[in-house]
């Protein structure tokens, strides 16, 4: 019986040892699992951070696109009539010359009241659409605004570099120059 007892103890000892080995293996697996889980969590955190960064960049780029698109549309709307206005400018020049001629006392030409009303109405209508005449005569010459077609000797030092006469008016359309003023400059 004693041998049976020893055998049972040995079997039990082997079972305990086997259980211990199994527990050690499980503990190692869990440790590996924890390490791999921690690594996995770190990897996922990094992926989330990269995705968030990409999202923020894309969002900012889209916002910039929207702003740029809005600005371009606004500019287009403000200057959409630019070609039409340029076509009408010679008509305004003709009206100005006719008005100037009618106001000159040395000629017998007169401008009828009806034509003056039409001229004033046209000026008002175009002004409401953003067309504005440039005031040039007597101003300092600015090559950004004026086109010098000739220079004449100035009568005084005060007139040097100033615009003596405006041959053709310049015009703005919503604060953008659509035609430069053609001027005579004193030198």
Protein backbone atom coordinates (compact mmCIF):
# COMPACT_ATOMS: atom_id res chain seq x y z
CA UNK A 1 0.00 0.00 0.00
CA UNK A 2 2.79 2.15 0.62
CA UNK A 3 3.83 1.87 -2.97
CA UNK A 4 0.29 2.74 -3.97
CA UNK A 5 0.44 5.70 -1.68
CA UNK A 6 3.74 6.77 -3.17
CA UNK A 7 2.38 6.34 -6.61
CA UNK A 8 -0.66 8.36 -5.73
CA UNK A 9 1.50 11.06 -4.22
CA UNK A 10 3.70 11.02 -7.29
CA UNK A 11 0.68 11.24 -9.55
CA UNK A 12 -0.71 14.03 -7.41
CA UNK A 13 2.67 15.74 -7.41
CA UNK A 14 2.87 15.37 -11.17
CA UNK A 15 -0.66 16.73 -11.47
CA UNK A 16 0.23 19.68 -9.23
CA UNK A 17 3.38 20.27 -11.26
CA UNK A 18 1.42 19.99 -14.48
CA UNK A 19 -1.17 22.40 -13.09
CA UNK A 20 1.62 24.78 -12.10
CA UNK A 21 3.12 24.55 -15.58
CA UNK A 22 -0.28 25.14 -17.13
CA UNK A 23 -0.87 28.13 -14.85
CA UNK A 24 2.56 29.51 -15.76
CA UNK A 25 1.77 29.10 -19.44
CA UNK A 26 -1.58 30.82 -18.94
CA UNK A 27 0.07 33.65 -17.02
CA UNK A 28 2.66 34.06 -19.79
CA UNK A 29 -0.07 34.04 -22.43
CA UNK A 30 -2.05 36.63 -20.47
CA UNK A 31 1.08 38.71 -20.03
CA UNK A 32 1.77 38.47 -23.76
CA UNK A 33 -1.86 39.21 -24.39
CA UNK A 34 -1.66 42.26 -22.11
CA UNK A 35 1.52 43.39 -23.82
CA UNK A 36 0.06 42.82 -27.24
CA UNK A 37 -3.16 44.50 -26.10
CA UNK A 38 -1.17 47.47 -24.82
CA UNK A 39 0.75 47.58 -28.10
CA UNK A 40 -2.49 47.25 -29.99
CA UNK A 41 -4.00 50.10 -27.98
CA UNK A 42 -0.95 52.27 -28.68
CA UNK A 43 -1.17 51.44 -32.40
CA UNK A 44 -4.85 52.26 -32.44
CA UNK A 45 -4.24 55.53 -30.59
CA UNK A 46 -1.62 56.46 -33.16
CA UNK A 47 -3.98 55.59 -36.03
CA UNK A 48 -6.72 57.69 -34.44
CA UNK A 49 -4.32 60.63 -34.04
CA UNK A 50 -3.26 60.34 -37.70
CA UNK A 51 -6.88 60.11 -38.85
CA UNK A 52 -7.79 63.12 -36.70
CA UNK A 53 -4.87 65.11 -38.16
CA UNK A 54 -5.92 64.19 -41.71
CA UNK A 55 -9.50 65.15 -40.91
CA UNK A 56 -8.48 68.54 -39.49
CA UNK A 57 -6.28 69.28 -42.50
CA UNK A 58 -9.03 68.27 -44.91
CA UNK A 59 -11.57 70.34 -43.00
CA UNK A 60 -9.29 73.40 -43.04
CA UNK A 61 -8.63 72.94 -46.76
CA UNK A 62 -12.37 72.70 -47.43
CA UNK A 63 -13.04 75.85 -45.38
CA UNK A 64 -10.36 77.70 -47.37
CA UNK A 65 -11.93 76.44 -50.60
CA UNK A 66 -15.36 77.70 -49.53
CA UNK A 67 -13.98 81.12 -48.61
CA UNK A 68 -12.02 81.40 -51.85
CA UNK A 69 -15.04 80.28 -53.87
CA UNK A 70 -17.29 82.82 -52.12
CA UNK A 71 -14.76 85.59 -52.70
CA UNK A 72 -14.43 84.68 -56.40
CA UNK A 73 -18.20 84.61 -56.83
CA UNK A 74 -18.53 88.01 -55.19
CA UNK A 75 -15.81 89.45 -57.43
CA UNK A 76 -17.49 87.92 -60.47
CA UNK A 77 -20.86 89.38 -59.51
CA UNK A 78 -19.36 92.82 -58.92
CA UNK A 79 -17.58 92.88 -62.27
CA UNK A 80 -20.00 90.81 -64.36
CA UNK A 81 -21.24 93.90 -66.18
CA UNK A 82 -17.73 95.16 -66.91
CA UNK A 83 -17.87 94.41 -70.66
CA UNK A 84 -21.31 95.99 -70.97
CA UNK A 85 -20.16 99.07 -69.10
CA UNK A 86 -17.09 99.39 -71.32
CA UNK A 87 -19.37 99.27 -74.35
CA UNK A 88 -21.55 102.07 -72.93
CA UNK A 89 -18.63 104.35 -71.97
CA UNK A 90 -18.20 105.83 -75.49
CA UNK A 91 -21.90 106.76 -75.42
CA UNK A 92 -21.34 108.58 -72.12
CA UNK A 93 -18.33 110.33 -73.68
CA UNK A 94 -20.51 111.48 -76.58
CA UNK A 95 -23.13 112.78 -74.16
CA UNK A 96 -20.42 114.65 -72.21
CA UNK A 97 -19.05 116.24 -75.41
CA UNK A 98 -22.55 117.23 -76.55
CA UNK A 99 -23.30 118.72 -73.13
CA UNK A 100 -19.99 120.60 -73.09
CA UNK A 101 -20.64 121.88 -76.61
CA UNK A 102 -24.15 123.03 -75.67
CA UNK A 103 -22.80 124.85 -72.61
CA UNK A 104 -20.21 126.70 -74.71
CA UNK A 105 -21.54 130.19 -75.40
CA UNK A 106 -19.61 130.56 -78.65
CA UNK A 107 -21.79 127.94 -80.40
CA UNK A 108 -25.43 128.08 -81.26
CA UNK A 109 -26.00 124.40 -80.43
CA UNK A 110 -28.34 123.63 -77.62
CA UNK A 111 -29.16 120.43 -75.83
CA UNK A 112 -32.85 119.85 -75.31
CA UNK A 113 -34.22 119.37 -71.87
CA UNK A 114 -35.44 115.86 -72.78
CA UNK A 115 -31.95 114.77 -73.87
CA UNK A 116 -30.51 116.16 -70.61
CA UNK A 117 -33.10 114.18 -68.65
CA UNK A 118 -32.14 111.00 -70.53
CA UNK A 119 -28.45 111.70 -69.88
CA UNK A 120 -29.06 112.25 -66.17
CA UNK A 121 -31.21 109.13 -65.92
CA UNK A 122 -28.53 107.06 -67.69
CA UNK A 123 -25.87 108.42 -65.31
CA UNK A 124 -28.06 107.58 -62.29
CA UNK A 125 -28.86 104.07 -63.54
CA UNK A 126 -25.21 103.27 -64.25
CA UNK A 127 -24.18 104.80 -60.93
CA UNK A 128 -26.58 102.50 -59.10
CA UNK A 129 -24.82 99.55 -60.76
CA UNK A 130 -21.47 100.71 -59.41
CA UNK A 131 -20.13 102.86 -62.27
CA UNK A 132 -18.34 105.98 -61.05
CA UNK A 133 -16.42 108.58 -63.04
CA UNK A 134 -12.85 109.36 -62.02
CA UNK A 135 -12.07 112.96 -61.05
CA UNK A 136 -8.74 113.79 -62.67
CA UNK A 137 -8.31 117.44 -63.63
CA UNK A 138 -6.19 119.29 -61.08
CA UNK A 139 -5.10 116.09 -59.32
CA UNK A 140 -1.53 114.78 -59.08
CA UNK A 141 -0.61 112.45 -61.94
CA UNK A 142 -0.75 108.81 -60.83
CA UNK A 143 0.33 106.21 -63.42
CA UNK A 144 -1.80 103.63 -61.55
CA UNK A 145 -4.95 105.63 -62.41
CA UNK A 146 -4.07 107.83 -65.38
CA UNK A 147 -2.68 107.41 -68.85
CA UNK A 148 -0.63 110.45 -69.93
CA UNK A 149 -1.16 111.14 -73.61
CA UNK A 150 0.92 114.32 -73.64
CA UNK A 151 2.84 116.77 -71.52
CA UNK A 152 2.64 120.53 -71.79
CA UNK A 153 4.66 123.25 -70.08
CA UNK A 154 3.07 124.14 -66.77
CA UNK A 155 1.98 127.75 -66.24
CA UNK A 156 3.30 127.70 -62.66
CA UNK A 157 5.36 125.48 -60.36
CA UNK A 158 2.14 124.35 -58.66
CA UNK A 159 0.93 122.73 -61.90
CA UNK A 160 4.06 120.64 -62.45
CA UNK A 161 3.19 116.95 -62.17
CA UNK A 162 -0.50 117.78 -62.03
CA UNK A 163 -3.18 116.94 -64.57
CA UNK A 164 -3.96 120.01 -66.68
CA UNK A 165 -6.75 118.51 -68.82
CA UNK A 166 -8.71 115.27 -69.01
CA UNK A 167 -9.14 114.13 -72.62
CA UNK A 168 -11.13 111.00 -71.77
CA UNK A 169 -12.64 110.27 -68.36
CA UNK A 170 -11.60 107.22 -66.42
CA UNK A 171 -14.19 105.04 -64.74
CA UNK A 172 -14.46 102.71 -61.76
CA UNK A 173 -16.85 99.80 -61.54
CA UNK A 174 -17.32 98.90 -57.87
CA UNK A 175 -13.94 100.45 -56.99
CA UNK A 176 -12.13 98.54 -59.75
CA UNK A 177 -10.75 100.57 -62.64
CA UNK A 178 -12.38 99.60 -65.93
CA UNK A 179 -10.92 102.48 -67.95
CA UNK A 180 -7.91 104.65 -67.18
CA UNK A 181 -8.28 108.40 -67.60
CA UNK A 182 -6.40 109.82 -70.60
CA UNK A 183 -4.85 113.06 -69.41
CA UNK A 184 -2.53 115.94 -70.27
CA UNK A 185 0.15 116.51 -67.62
CA UNK A 186 2.02 119.72 -66.83
CA UNK A 187 5.82 119.55 -66.78
